[in-house]
N, C-alpha and C. Protein backbone atom coordinates (compact mmCIF):
# COMPACT_ATOMS: atom_id res chain seq x y z
N MET A 1 -18.33 17.71 56.56
CA MET A 1 -19.58 18.45 56.48
C MET A 1 -20.43 17.85 55.35
N PRO A 2 -21.71 17.57 55.62
CA PRO A 2 -22.56 16.97 54.59
C PRO A 2 -22.80 17.94 53.43
N HIS A 3 -23.02 17.35 52.25
CA HIS A 3 -23.33 18.17 51.08
C HIS A 3 -24.70 18.82 51.24
N GLN A 4 -24.86 19.95 50.57
CA GLN A 4 -26.13 20.66 50.60
C GLN A 4 -26.67 20.75 49.18
N HIS A 5 -28.01 20.70 49.08
CA HIS A 5 -28.68 20.72 47.79
C HIS A 5 -29.84 21.71 47.85
N PHE A 6 -30.09 22.36 46.74
CA PHE A 6 -31.16 23.36 46.65
C PHE A 6 -31.87 23.22 45.31
N LYS A 7 -33.11 23.67 45.27
CA LYS A 7 -33.74 23.89 43.99
C LYS A 7 -34.07 25.38 43.92
N ILE A 8 -34.00 25.91 42.72
CA ILE A 8 -34.20 27.34 42.51
C ILE A 8 -35.01 27.54 41.25
N TYR A 9 -35.82 28.58 41.26
CA TYR A 9 -36.48 29.02 40.03
C TYR A 9 -35.53 30.04 39.41
N LYS A 10 -34.74 29.59 38.42
CA LYS A 10 -33.80 30.50 37.77
C LYS A 10 -34.58 31.53 36.98
N PRO A 11 -34.40 32.81 37.32
CA PRO A 11 -35.14 33.84 36.58
C PRO A 11 -34.56 34.08 35.18
N TYR A 12 -35.37 34.63 34.35
CA TYR A 12 -34.92 35.10 33.03
C TYR A 12 -33.81 36.14 33.25
N GLY A 13 -32.78 36.09 32.41
CA GLY A 13 -31.73 37.10 32.47
C GLY A 13 -30.54 36.77 33.35
N TYR A 14 -30.52 35.58 33.96
CA TYR A 14 -29.40 35.16 34.81
C TYR A 14 -28.63 34.04 34.13
N LEU A 15 -27.32 34.04 34.34
CA LEU A 15 -26.49 32.93 33.88
C LEU A 15 -26.49 31.85 34.95
N SER A 16 -26.36 30.59 34.54
CA SER A 16 -26.36 29.46 35.46
C SER A 16 -24.96 29.22 36.02
N GLN A 17 -24.36 30.25 36.58
CA GLN A 17 -23.04 30.13 37.19
C GLN A 17 -22.94 31.07 38.38
N PHE A 18 -21.89 30.85 39.19
CA PHE A 18 -21.74 31.59 40.43
C PHE A 18 -20.62 32.60 40.42
N VAL A 19 -19.64 32.40 39.57
CA VAL A 19 -18.50 33.31 39.53
C VAL A 19 -18.24 33.73 38.09
N TYR A 20 -17.66 34.91 37.96
CA TYR A 20 -17.26 35.38 36.63
C TYR A 20 -16.02 34.62 36.19
N ASN A 21 -15.95 34.31 34.91
CA ASN A 21 -14.72 33.75 34.35
C ASN A 21 -14.29 34.64 33.19
N GLN A 22 -13.23 34.26 32.51
CA GLN A 22 -12.70 35.13 31.46
C GLN A 22 -13.67 35.33 30.30
N ASN A 23 -14.68 34.46 30.16
CA ASN A 23 -15.65 34.57 29.06
C ASN A 23 -16.93 35.30 29.46
N THR A 24 -17.06 35.68 30.73
CA THR A 24 -18.29 36.30 31.23
C THR A 24 -18.15 37.81 31.27
N ARG A 25 -19.06 38.50 30.59
CA ARG A 25 -19.06 39.96 30.68
C ARG A 25 -19.51 40.37 32.07
N ARG A 26 -18.90 41.41 32.60
CA ARG A 26 -19.15 41.83 33.98
C ARG A 26 -20.55 42.40 34.23
N ASN A 27 -21.28 42.72 33.16
CA ASN A 27 -22.63 43.25 33.36
C ASN A 27 -23.69 42.15 33.41
N LYS A 28 -23.28 40.90 33.37
CA LYS A 28 -24.21 39.77 33.42
C LYS A 28 -24.59 39.47 34.87
N LYS A 29 -25.83 38.96 35.06
CA LYS A 29 -26.29 38.58 36.38
C LYS A 29 -26.00 37.09 36.61
N LEU A 30 -25.50 36.77 37.80
CA LEU A 30 -25.14 35.39 38.15
C LEU A 30 -26.04 34.86 39.27
N LEU A 31 -26.19 33.55 39.34
CA LEU A 31 -27.03 32.93 40.37
C LEU A 31 -26.60 33.29 41.79
N GLY A 32 -25.31 33.45 42.01
CA GLY A 32 -24.81 33.78 43.34
C GLY A 32 -25.36 35.06 43.90
N GLU A 33 -25.90 35.93 43.04
CA GLU A 33 -26.49 37.20 43.49
C GLU A 33 -27.86 37.00 44.12
N LEU A 34 -28.43 35.80 43.98
CA LEU A 34 -29.79 35.55 44.47
C LEU A 34 -29.85 35.09 45.92
N GLY A 35 -28.71 34.77 46.51
CA GLY A 35 -28.73 34.29 47.89
C GLY A 35 -27.33 34.01 48.39
N THR A 36 -27.27 33.52 49.62
CA THR A 36 -26.00 33.13 50.22
C THR A 36 -25.91 31.62 50.15
N PHE A 37 -24.87 31.12 49.52
CA PHE A 37 -24.71 29.69 49.31
C PHE A 37 -23.42 29.20 49.94
N PRO A 38 -23.37 27.91 50.31
CA PRO A 38 -22.13 27.36 50.85
C PRO A 38 -21.01 27.39 49.81
N GLU A 39 -19.79 27.42 50.29
CA GLU A 39 -18.64 27.40 49.38
C GLU A 39 -18.69 26.12 48.54
N GLY A 40 -18.38 26.25 47.27
CA GLY A 40 -18.36 25.10 46.37
C GLY A 40 -19.70 24.79 45.73
N THR A 41 -20.70 25.64 45.93
CA THR A 41 -22.01 25.40 45.31
C THR A 41 -21.90 25.58 43.81
N MET A 42 -22.53 24.66 43.07
CA MET A 42 -22.54 24.71 41.61
C MET A 42 -23.94 24.38 41.11
N SER A 43 -24.24 24.84 39.91
CA SER A 43 -25.51 24.46 39.30
C SER A 43 -25.34 23.10 38.64
N ILE A 44 -26.42 22.34 38.65
CA ILE A 44 -26.42 21.04 37.97
C ILE A 44 -27.06 21.27 36.62
N GLY A 45 -26.26 21.19 35.59
CA GLY A 45 -26.75 21.49 34.26
C GLY A 45 -26.86 23.00 34.10
N ARG A 46 -27.46 23.40 33.03
CA ARG A 46 -27.56 24.83 32.73
C ARG A 46 -28.93 25.15 32.15
N LEU A 47 -29.31 26.38 32.32
CA LEU A 47 -30.40 26.97 31.57
C LEU A 47 -29.82 28.24 30.95
N ASP A 48 -30.11 28.48 29.68
CA ASP A 48 -29.61 29.67 29.01
C ASP A 48 -30.04 30.93 29.75
N GLU A 49 -29.35 32.01 29.47
CA GLU A 49 -29.68 33.30 30.09
C GLU A 49 -31.14 33.68 29.85
N ASP A 50 -31.67 33.36 28.65
CA ASP A 50 -33.05 33.74 28.34
C ASP A 50 -34.05 32.62 28.62
N SER A 51 -33.61 31.56 29.29
CA SER A 51 -34.50 30.49 29.73
C SER A 51 -34.68 30.61 31.24
N GLU A 52 -35.69 29.96 31.75
CA GLU A 52 -35.99 30.08 33.17
C GLU A 52 -36.51 28.76 33.70
N GLY A 53 -36.68 28.70 35.01
CA GLY A 53 -37.31 27.53 35.60
C GLY A 53 -36.42 26.77 36.56
N LEU A 54 -36.77 25.50 36.76
CA LEU A 54 -36.17 24.66 37.79
C LEU A 54 -34.71 24.36 37.49
N LEU A 55 -33.88 24.60 38.50
CA LEU A 55 -32.46 24.30 38.42
C LEU A 55 -32.04 23.79 39.79
N PHE A 56 -31.25 22.73 39.83
CA PHE A 56 -30.69 22.25 41.08
C PHE A 56 -29.33 22.88 41.32
N LEU A 57 -29.04 23.15 42.57
CA LEU A 57 -27.73 23.62 43.01
C LEU A 57 -27.23 22.62 44.04
N THR A 58 -25.92 22.36 44.05
CA THR A 58 -25.39 21.36 44.97
C THR A 58 -23.93 21.66 45.29
N THR A 59 -23.47 21.08 46.39
CA THR A 59 -22.04 21.10 46.71
C THR A 59 -21.42 19.73 46.39
N ASP A 60 -22.21 18.82 45.80
CA ASP A 60 -21.79 17.45 45.52
C ASP A 60 -21.67 17.22 44.01
N GLY A 61 -20.44 17.17 43.52
CA GLY A 61 -20.20 16.96 42.09
C GLY A 61 -20.75 15.64 41.58
N LYS A 62 -20.78 14.59 42.42
CA LYS A 62 -21.32 13.30 41.98
C LYS A 62 -22.82 13.41 41.71
N MET A 63 -23.53 14.22 42.49
CA MET A 63 -24.96 14.42 42.27
C MET A 63 -25.17 15.08 40.91
N SER A 64 -24.28 15.97 40.55
CA SER A 64 -24.36 16.63 39.25
C SER A 64 -24.31 15.60 38.13
N ASP A 65 -23.41 14.62 38.22
CA ASP A 65 -23.31 13.57 37.21
C ASP A 65 -24.59 12.76 37.14
N THR A 66 -25.19 12.46 38.28
CA THR A 66 -26.43 11.68 38.32
C THR A 66 -27.56 12.41 37.62
N VAL A 67 -27.75 13.68 37.94
CA VAL A 67 -28.86 14.45 37.38
C VAL A 67 -28.69 14.64 35.87
N ARG A 68 -27.46 14.82 35.42
CA ARG A 68 -27.23 15.05 33.99
C ARG A 68 -27.25 13.76 33.18
N SER A 69 -27.37 12.61 33.83
CA SER A 69 -27.35 11.33 33.12
C SER A 69 -28.63 11.15 32.30
N SER A 70 -28.58 10.21 31.37
CA SER A 70 -29.74 9.95 30.51
C SER A 70 -30.85 9.20 31.24
N LYS A 71 -30.64 8.87 32.51
CA LYS A 71 -31.68 8.18 33.29
C LYS A 71 -32.68 9.16 33.89
N VAL A 72 -32.35 10.45 33.88
CA VAL A 72 -33.17 11.45 34.55
C VAL A 72 -33.92 12.31 33.52
N GLU A 73 -35.25 12.33 33.66
CA GLU A 73 -36.08 13.14 32.75
C GLU A 73 -36.07 14.61 33.16
N LYS A 74 -36.06 15.47 32.15
CA LYS A 74 -36.22 16.91 32.35
C LYS A 74 -37.40 17.35 31.48
N GLU A 75 -38.39 17.98 32.12
CA GLU A 75 -39.60 18.40 31.40
C GLU A 75 -39.62 19.92 31.27
N TYR A 76 -39.88 20.37 30.05
CA TYR A 76 -39.90 21.79 29.73
C TYR A 76 -41.28 22.19 29.22
N TYR A 77 -41.75 23.36 29.67
CA TYR A 77 -42.94 23.96 29.09
C TYR A 77 -42.45 25.06 28.17
N VAL A 78 -42.92 25.01 26.92
CA VAL A 78 -42.37 25.86 25.88
C VAL A 78 -43.48 26.63 25.17
N GLN A 79 -43.35 27.95 25.16
CA GLN A 79 -44.26 28.77 24.38
C GLN A 79 -43.63 28.95 23.01
N VAL A 80 -44.37 28.57 21.97
CA VAL A 80 -43.84 28.65 20.61
C VAL A 80 -44.62 29.65 19.77
N ASP A 81 -43.97 30.12 18.74
CA ASP A 81 -44.57 31.06 17.80
C ASP A 81 -45.50 30.29 16.87
N GLY A 82 -46.79 30.63 16.89
CA GLY A 82 -47.77 29.97 16.04
C GLY A 82 -48.54 28.90 16.78
N LEU A 83 -49.53 28.37 16.10
CA LEU A 83 -50.35 27.28 16.66
C LEU A 83 -49.75 25.97 16.18
N ILE A 84 -49.05 25.29 17.06
CA ILE A 84 -48.29 24.10 16.67
C ILE A 84 -49.23 23.00 16.18
N THR A 85 -48.79 22.27 15.18
CA THR A 85 -49.60 21.22 14.57
C THR A 85 -49.29 19.87 15.20
N GLN A 86 -50.21 18.93 15.01
CA GLN A 86 -49.99 17.58 15.50
C GLN A 86 -48.82 16.93 14.77
N ALA A 87 -48.65 17.25 13.49
CA ALA A 87 -47.51 16.72 12.73
C ALA A 87 -46.19 17.18 13.34
N ALA A 88 -46.11 18.43 13.76
CA ALA A 88 -44.89 18.95 14.39
C ALA A 88 -44.64 18.24 15.71
N ILE A 89 -45.69 18.00 16.49
CA ILE A 89 -45.56 17.27 17.77
C ILE A 89 -45.03 15.86 17.51
N LEU A 90 -45.58 15.19 16.51
CA LEU A 90 -45.13 13.83 16.19
C LEU A 90 -43.66 13.82 15.77
N ASN A 91 -43.24 14.82 15.00
CA ASN A 91 -41.83 14.91 14.60
C ASN A 91 -40.94 15.10 15.82
N LEU A 92 -41.35 15.96 16.76
CA LEU A 92 -40.58 16.14 17.99
C LEU A 92 -40.45 14.82 18.74
N GLN A 93 -41.55 14.07 18.83
CA GLN A 93 -41.55 12.80 19.55
C GLN A 93 -40.59 11.79 18.93
N LYS A 94 -40.53 11.76 17.60
CA LYS A 94 -39.66 10.80 16.90
C LYS A 94 -38.20 11.19 16.95
N GLY A 95 -37.94 12.50 17.05
CA GLY A 95 -36.58 13.02 17.00
C GLY A 95 -36.40 13.84 15.74
N VAL A 96 -35.67 14.94 15.86
CA VAL A 96 -35.44 15.82 14.73
C VAL A 96 -33.95 16.10 14.60
N GLU A 97 -33.56 16.51 13.41
CA GLU A 97 -32.15 16.83 13.18
C GLU A 97 -31.88 18.28 13.56
N ILE A 98 -30.85 18.46 14.40
CA ILE A 98 -30.43 19.79 14.81
C ILE A 98 -28.92 19.90 14.63
N GLY A 99 -28.40 21.08 14.75
CA GLY A 99 -26.96 21.28 14.66
C GLY A 99 -26.34 21.44 16.03
N ILE A 100 -25.25 20.73 16.28
CA ILE A 100 -24.49 20.84 17.53
C ILE A 100 -23.03 21.08 17.14
N LYS A 101 -22.53 22.27 17.45
CA LYS A 101 -21.14 22.63 17.14
C LYS A 101 -20.79 22.33 15.69
N GLY A 102 -21.67 22.69 14.78
CA GLY A 102 -21.40 22.52 13.36
C GLY A 102 -21.63 21.12 12.82
N THR A 103 -22.12 20.21 13.66
CA THR A 103 -22.37 18.83 13.23
C THR A 103 -23.85 18.53 13.34
N LYS A 104 -24.36 17.78 12.37
CA LYS A 104 -25.77 17.39 12.42
C LYS A 104 -25.96 16.32 13.49
N TYR A 105 -27.05 16.46 14.25
CA TYR A 105 -27.34 15.54 15.35
C TYR A 105 -28.83 15.21 15.32
N MET A 106 -29.15 13.93 15.44
CA MET A 106 -30.54 13.49 15.50
C MET A 106 -30.92 13.32 16.97
N THR A 107 -31.91 14.09 17.42
CA THR A 107 -32.31 14.00 18.83
C THR A 107 -32.97 12.65 19.11
N LYS A 108 -32.86 12.20 20.33
CA LYS A 108 -33.47 10.94 20.73
C LYS A 108 -34.98 11.12 20.79
N PRO A 109 -35.74 10.03 20.61
CA PRO A 109 -37.18 10.13 20.79
C PRO A 109 -37.50 10.70 22.18
N CYS A 110 -38.56 11.48 22.25
CA CYS A 110 -38.92 12.12 23.51
C CYS A 110 -40.44 12.17 23.65
N LYS A 111 -40.88 12.62 24.80
CA LYS A 111 -42.30 12.86 25.02
C LYS A 111 -42.59 14.32 24.66
N ALA A 112 -43.67 14.54 23.94
CA ALA A 112 -44.08 15.91 23.59
C ALA A 112 -45.59 15.92 23.41
N HIS A 113 -46.24 16.97 23.89
CA HIS A 113 -47.68 17.13 23.69
C HIS A 113 -48.08 18.60 23.87
N ASN A 114 -49.25 18.92 23.32
CA ASN A 114 -49.82 20.26 23.52
C ASN A 114 -50.25 20.41 24.96
N LEU A 115 -50.14 21.63 25.48
CA LEU A 115 -50.70 21.94 26.79
C LEU A 115 -52.05 22.62 26.53
N GLU A 116 -53.10 21.99 27.00
CA GLU A 116 -54.45 22.52 26.78
C GLU A 116 -54.66 23.84 27.51
N LYS A 117 -54.11 23.93 28.73
CA LYS A 117 -54.24 25.15 29.51
C LYS A 117 -52.91 25.90 29.50
N ILE A 118 -52.97 27.20 29.38
CA ILE A 118 -51.76 28.02 29.40
C ILE A 118 -51.19 28.00 30.81
N PRO A 119 -49.93 27.63 30.98
CA PRO A 119 -49.33 27.62 32.32
C PRO A 119 -49.37 29.02 32.95
N GLN A 120 -49.55 29.07 34.24
CA GLN A 120 -49.65 30.34 34.94
C GLN A 120 -48.32 30.69 35.62
N PHE A 121 -47.29 30.85 34.81
CA PHE A 121 -45.99 31.24 35.34
C PHE A 121 -45.99 32.74 35.63
N PRO A 122 -45.15 33.18 36.55
CA PRO A 122 -45.04 34.62 36.79
C PRO A 122 -44.61 35.34 35.51
N ALA A 123 -45.03 36.59 35.39
CA ALA A 123 -44.63 37.37 34.22
C ALA A 123 -43.12 37.44 34.13
N ARG A 124 -42.61 37.40 32.93
CA ARG A 124 -41.16 37.47 32.72
C ARG A 124 -40.71 38.92 32.79
N SER A 125 -39.48 39.15 33.22
CA SER A 125 -38.98 40.52 33.36
C SER A 125 -38.89 41.25 32.02
N LYS A 126 -38.68 40.51 30.94
CA LYS A 126 -38.71 41.11 29.61
C LYS A 126 -39.95 40.57 28.91
N LYS A 127 -40.79 41.48 28.48
CA LYS A 127 -42.07 41.10 27.88
C LYS A 127 -41.87 40.27 26.62
N ILE A 128 -42.71 39.26 26.48
CA ILE A 128 -42.75 38.46 25.25
C ILE A 128 -43.72 39.18 24.32
N ARG A 129 -43.48 39.09 23.06
CA ARG A 129 -44.35 39.79 22.10
C ARG A 129 -45.82 39.47 22.37
N ASP A 130 -46.71 40.35 21.93
CA ASP A 130 -48.13 40.13 22.22
C ASP A 130 -48.88 39.59 21.00
N GLU A 131 -50.19 39.40 21.17
CA GLU A 131 -51.03 38.76 20.17
C GLU A 131 -51.07 39.51 18.84
N ARG A 132 -50.72 40.79 18.84
CA ARG A 132 -50.74 41.54 17.58
C ARG A 132 -49.77 40.94 16.57
N HIS A 133 -48.78 40.19 17.06
CA HIS A 133 -47.78 39.58 16.18
C HIS A 133 -48.13 38.15 15.81
N GLY A 134 -49.35 37.72 16.10
CA GLY A 134 -49.79 36.37 15.76
C GLY A 134 -49.96 35.50 16.98
N PRO A 135 -50.63 34.36 16.80
CA PRO A 135 -50.92 33.47 17.92
C PRO A 135 -49.68 32.71 18.38
N THR A 136 -49.78 32.22 19.62
CA THR A 136 -48.73 31.36 20.18
C THR A 136 -49.41 30.13 20.77
N SER A 137 -48.63 29.12 21.08
CA SER A 137 -49.15 27.94 21.76
C SER A 137 -48.10 27.42 22.73
N TRP A 138 -48.55 26.60 23.67
CA TRP A 138 -47.67 26.01 24.68
C TRP A 138 -47.63 24.50 24.49
N ILE A 139 -46.41 23.94 24.61
CA ILE A 139 -46.23 22.50 24.54
C ILE A 139 -45.36 22.06 25.71
N ALA A 140 -45.40 20.77 26.00
CA ALA A 140 -44.49 20.17 26.98
C ALA A 140 -43.57 19.22 26.24
N ILE A 141 -42.27 19.30 26.54
CA ILE A 141 -41.28 18.39 25.96
C ILE A 141 -40.48 17.79 27.12
N THR A 142 -40.38 16.46 27.13
CA THR A 142 -39.63 15.76 28.18
C THR A 142 -38.46 15.04 27.53
N LEU A 143 -37.25 15.39 27.97
CA LEU A 143 -36.02 14.85 27.41
C LEU A 143 -35.22 14.07 28.45
N THR A 144 -34.36 13.18 27.95
CA THR A 144 -33.39 12.52 28.81
C THR A 144 -31.97 12.85 28.36
N GLU A 145 -31.85 13.84 27.50
CA GLU A 145 -30.56 14.33 27.04
C GLU A 145 -30.58 15.85 27.15
N GLY A 146 -29.45 16.47 27.03
CA GLY A 146 -29.41 17.92 27.19
C GLY A 146 -28.31 18.56 26.36
N LYS A 147 -28.51 18.58 25.06
CA LYS A 147 -27.54 19.23 24.19
C LYS A 147 -27.71 20.74 24.26
N PHE A 148 -26.70 21.48 23.81
CA PHE A 148 -26.70 22.94 23.86
C PHE A 148 -27.91 23.51 23.12
N ARG A 149 -28.76 24.24 23.85
CA ARG A 149 -29.97 24.88 23.32
C ARG A 149 -30.88 23.89 22.57
N GLN A 150 -30.92 22.67 23.05
CA GLN A 150 -31.62 21.60 22.34
C GLN A 150 -33.10 21.88 22.12
N VAL A 151 -33.83 22.26 23.15
CA VAL A 151 -35.28 22.45 23.00
C VAL A 151 -35.56 23.54 21.97
N LYS A 152 -34.84 24.64 22.05
CA LYS A 152 -35.05 25.74 21.09
C LYS A 152 -34.74 25.30 19.67
N LYS A 153 -33.68 24.53 19.51
CA LYS A 153 -33.33 24.02 18.17
C LYS A 153 -34.38 23.04 17.66
N MET A 154 -34.93 22.23 18.57
CA MET A 154 -35.94 21.25 18.18
C MET A 154 -37.22 21.94 17.70
N THR A 155 -37.70 22.94 18.46
CA THR A 155 -38.95 23.60 18.04
C THR A 155 -38.74 24.37 16.74
N ALA A 156 -37.56 24.97 16.57
CA ALA A 156 -37.26 25.67 15.31
C ALA A 156 -37.22 24.69 14.15
N ALA A 157 -36.69 23.48 14.38
CA ALA A 157 -36.58 22.48 13.32
C ALA A 157 -37.93 22.04 12.79
N VAL A 158 -38.97 22.13 13.63
CA VAL A 158 -40.31 21.75 13.17
C VAL A 158 -41.15 22.97 12.79
N GLY A 159 -40.50 24.14 12.72
CA GLY A 159 -41.17 25.34 12.20
C GLY A 159 -41.88 26.20 13.23
N PHE A 160 -41.61 25.99 14.52
CA PHE A 160 -42.28 26.75 15.57
C PHE A 160 -41.24 27.26 16.57
N PRO A 161 -40.61 28.39 16.29
CA PRO A 161 -39.55 28.90 17.16
C PRO A 161 -40.02 29.13 18.59
N THR A 162 -39.12 28.90 19.53
CA THR A 162 -39.40 29.09 20.95
C THR A 162 -39.43 30.57 21.30
N LEU A 163 -40.46 30.98 22.03
CA LEU A 163 -40.57 32.35 22.55
C LEU A 163 -40.23 32.39 24.04
N ARG A 164 -40.63 31.35 24.76
CA ARG A 164 -40.36 31.28 26.20
C ARG A 164 -40.12 29.82 26.56
N LEU A 165 -39.10 29.57 27.38
CA LEU A 165 -38.75 28.22 27.78
C LEU A 165 -38.63 28.17 29.30
N VAL A 166 -39.42 27.29 29.92
CA VAL A 166 -39.42 27.13 31.38
C VAL A 166 -39.23 25.65 31.71
N ARG A 167 -38.14 25.33 32.43
CA ARG A 167 -37.97 23.94 32.88
C ARG A 167 -38.92 23.75 34.05
N TYR A 168 -39.84 22.81 33.89
CA TYR A 168 -40.91 22.58 34.86
C TYR A 168 -40.59 21.46 35.85
N ARG A 169 -39.81 20.45 35.39
CA ARG A 169 -39.58 19.27 36.23
C ARG A 169 -38.22 18.66 35.92
N ILE A 170 -37.56 18.16 36.96
CA ILE A 170 -36.38 17.31 36.83
C ILE A 170 -36.67 16.09 37.69
N ALA A 171 -36.71 14.90 37.06
CA ALA A 171 -37.04 13.65 37.76
C ALA A 171 -38.36 13.83 38.51
N ASN A 172 -38.35 13.70 39.84
CA ASN A 172 -39.59 13.81 40.62
C ASN A 172 -39.69 15.15 41.37
N GLU A 173 -38.87 16.12 40.99
CA GLU A 173 -38.93 17.45 41.59
C GLU A 173 -39.55 18.43 40.60
N TYR A 174 -40.54 19.20 41.07
CA TYR A 174 -41.26 20.15 40.23
C TYR A 174 -40.96 21.58 40.68
N ILE A 175 -41.23 22.51 39.80
CA ILE A 175 -41.05 23.92 40.14
C ILE A 175 -42.08 24.35 41.20
N ASP A 176 -43.20 23.64 41.22
CA ASP A 176 -44.26 23.89 42.21
C ASP A 176 -44.61 25.37 42.28
N THR A 177 -44.59 25.93 43.48
CA THR A 177 -45.02 27.32 43.66
C THR A 177 -43.85 28.29 43.79
N LEU A 178 -42.64 27.83 43.44
CA LEU A 178 -41.49 28.74 43.51
C LEU A 178 -41.70 29.94 42.60
N ARG A 179 -41.22 31.07 43.04
CA ARG A 179 -41.26 32.31 42.26
C ARG A 179 -39.86 32.55 41.69
N PRO A 180 -39.73 33.31 40.61
CA PRO A 180 -38.40 33.58 40.06
C PRO A 180 -37.44 34.10 41.12
N GLY A 181 -36.27 33.46 41.19
CA GLY A 181 -35.25 33.84 42.17
C GLY A 181 -35.39 33.17 43.52
N GLU A 182 -36.50 32.47 43.75
CA GLU A 182 -36.73 31.82 45.05
C GLU A 182 -35.93 30.52 45.14
N ILE A 183 -35.38 30.26 46.33
CA ILE A 183 -34.52 29.12 46.58
C ILE A 183 -35.15 28.26 47.67
N PHE A 184 -35.11 26.93 47.49
CA PHE A 184 -35.65 26.00 48.47
C PHE A 184 -34.59 24.96 48.77
N ARG A 185 -34.25 24.79 50.04
CA ARG A 185 -33.26 23.78 50.42
C ARG A 185 -33.90 22.40 50.40
N LEU A 186 -33.22 21.46 49.75
CA LEU A 186 -33.68 20.08 49.66
C LEU A 186 -32.99 19.26 50.73
N ARG A 187 -33.76 18.65 51.61
CA ARG A 187 -33.20 17.81 52.65
C ARG A 187 -33.37 16.34 52.20
N ASN A 188 -32.44 15.51 52.52
CA ASN A 188 -32.48 14.10 52.11
C ASN A 188 -32.72 13.97 50.60
N PHE A 189 -31.96 14.73 49.83
CA PHE A 189 -32.14 14.79 48.37
C PHE A 189 -31.69 13.49 47.71
N LYS A 190 -32.61 12.84 47.01
CA LYS A 190 -32.33 11.63 46.25
C LYS A 190 -33.18 11.66 44.98
N LEU A 191 -32.65 11.05 43.94
CA LEU A 191 -33.43 10.94 42.70
C LEU A 191 -33.74 9.49 42.44
């Protein structure tokens, strides 16, 4: 039977897994609750419970290795606390020091820029703080690596903590018009 591939808009509040394991609290929401998937379906990479956006699902473990490789770009739209400066953007582009499992790690150079227009994503199920708590800004960050909570650690390292994180693109696949929880089957999937 041929492998099947999907793209999904992972909603806020869901874990990027299909089954409970010994470390998963039973009150957590899993991707498998969003639809009926073939046996052996897995997510390619992860998005944190409080992150959202484009995620690939597949029955092909080799495809997972390909997508997670450093050859594939992942683009994130990030709402940060405050009006981000050009100096902070330049630091993100050059790479910043973050902590990974108690060890200091220098992120690889990446693409980063301000988003002039606020992205029109669907409202999140949990409200983000409002303007009474100060201004926010949106940036785009494109990475070829994916360390644990990397984007959030990077924006915090330059003084602008992440408020909302949406993966917008993986390679040549975009979130397009998908709504949170919506699933689209990919036919002839190649990167």
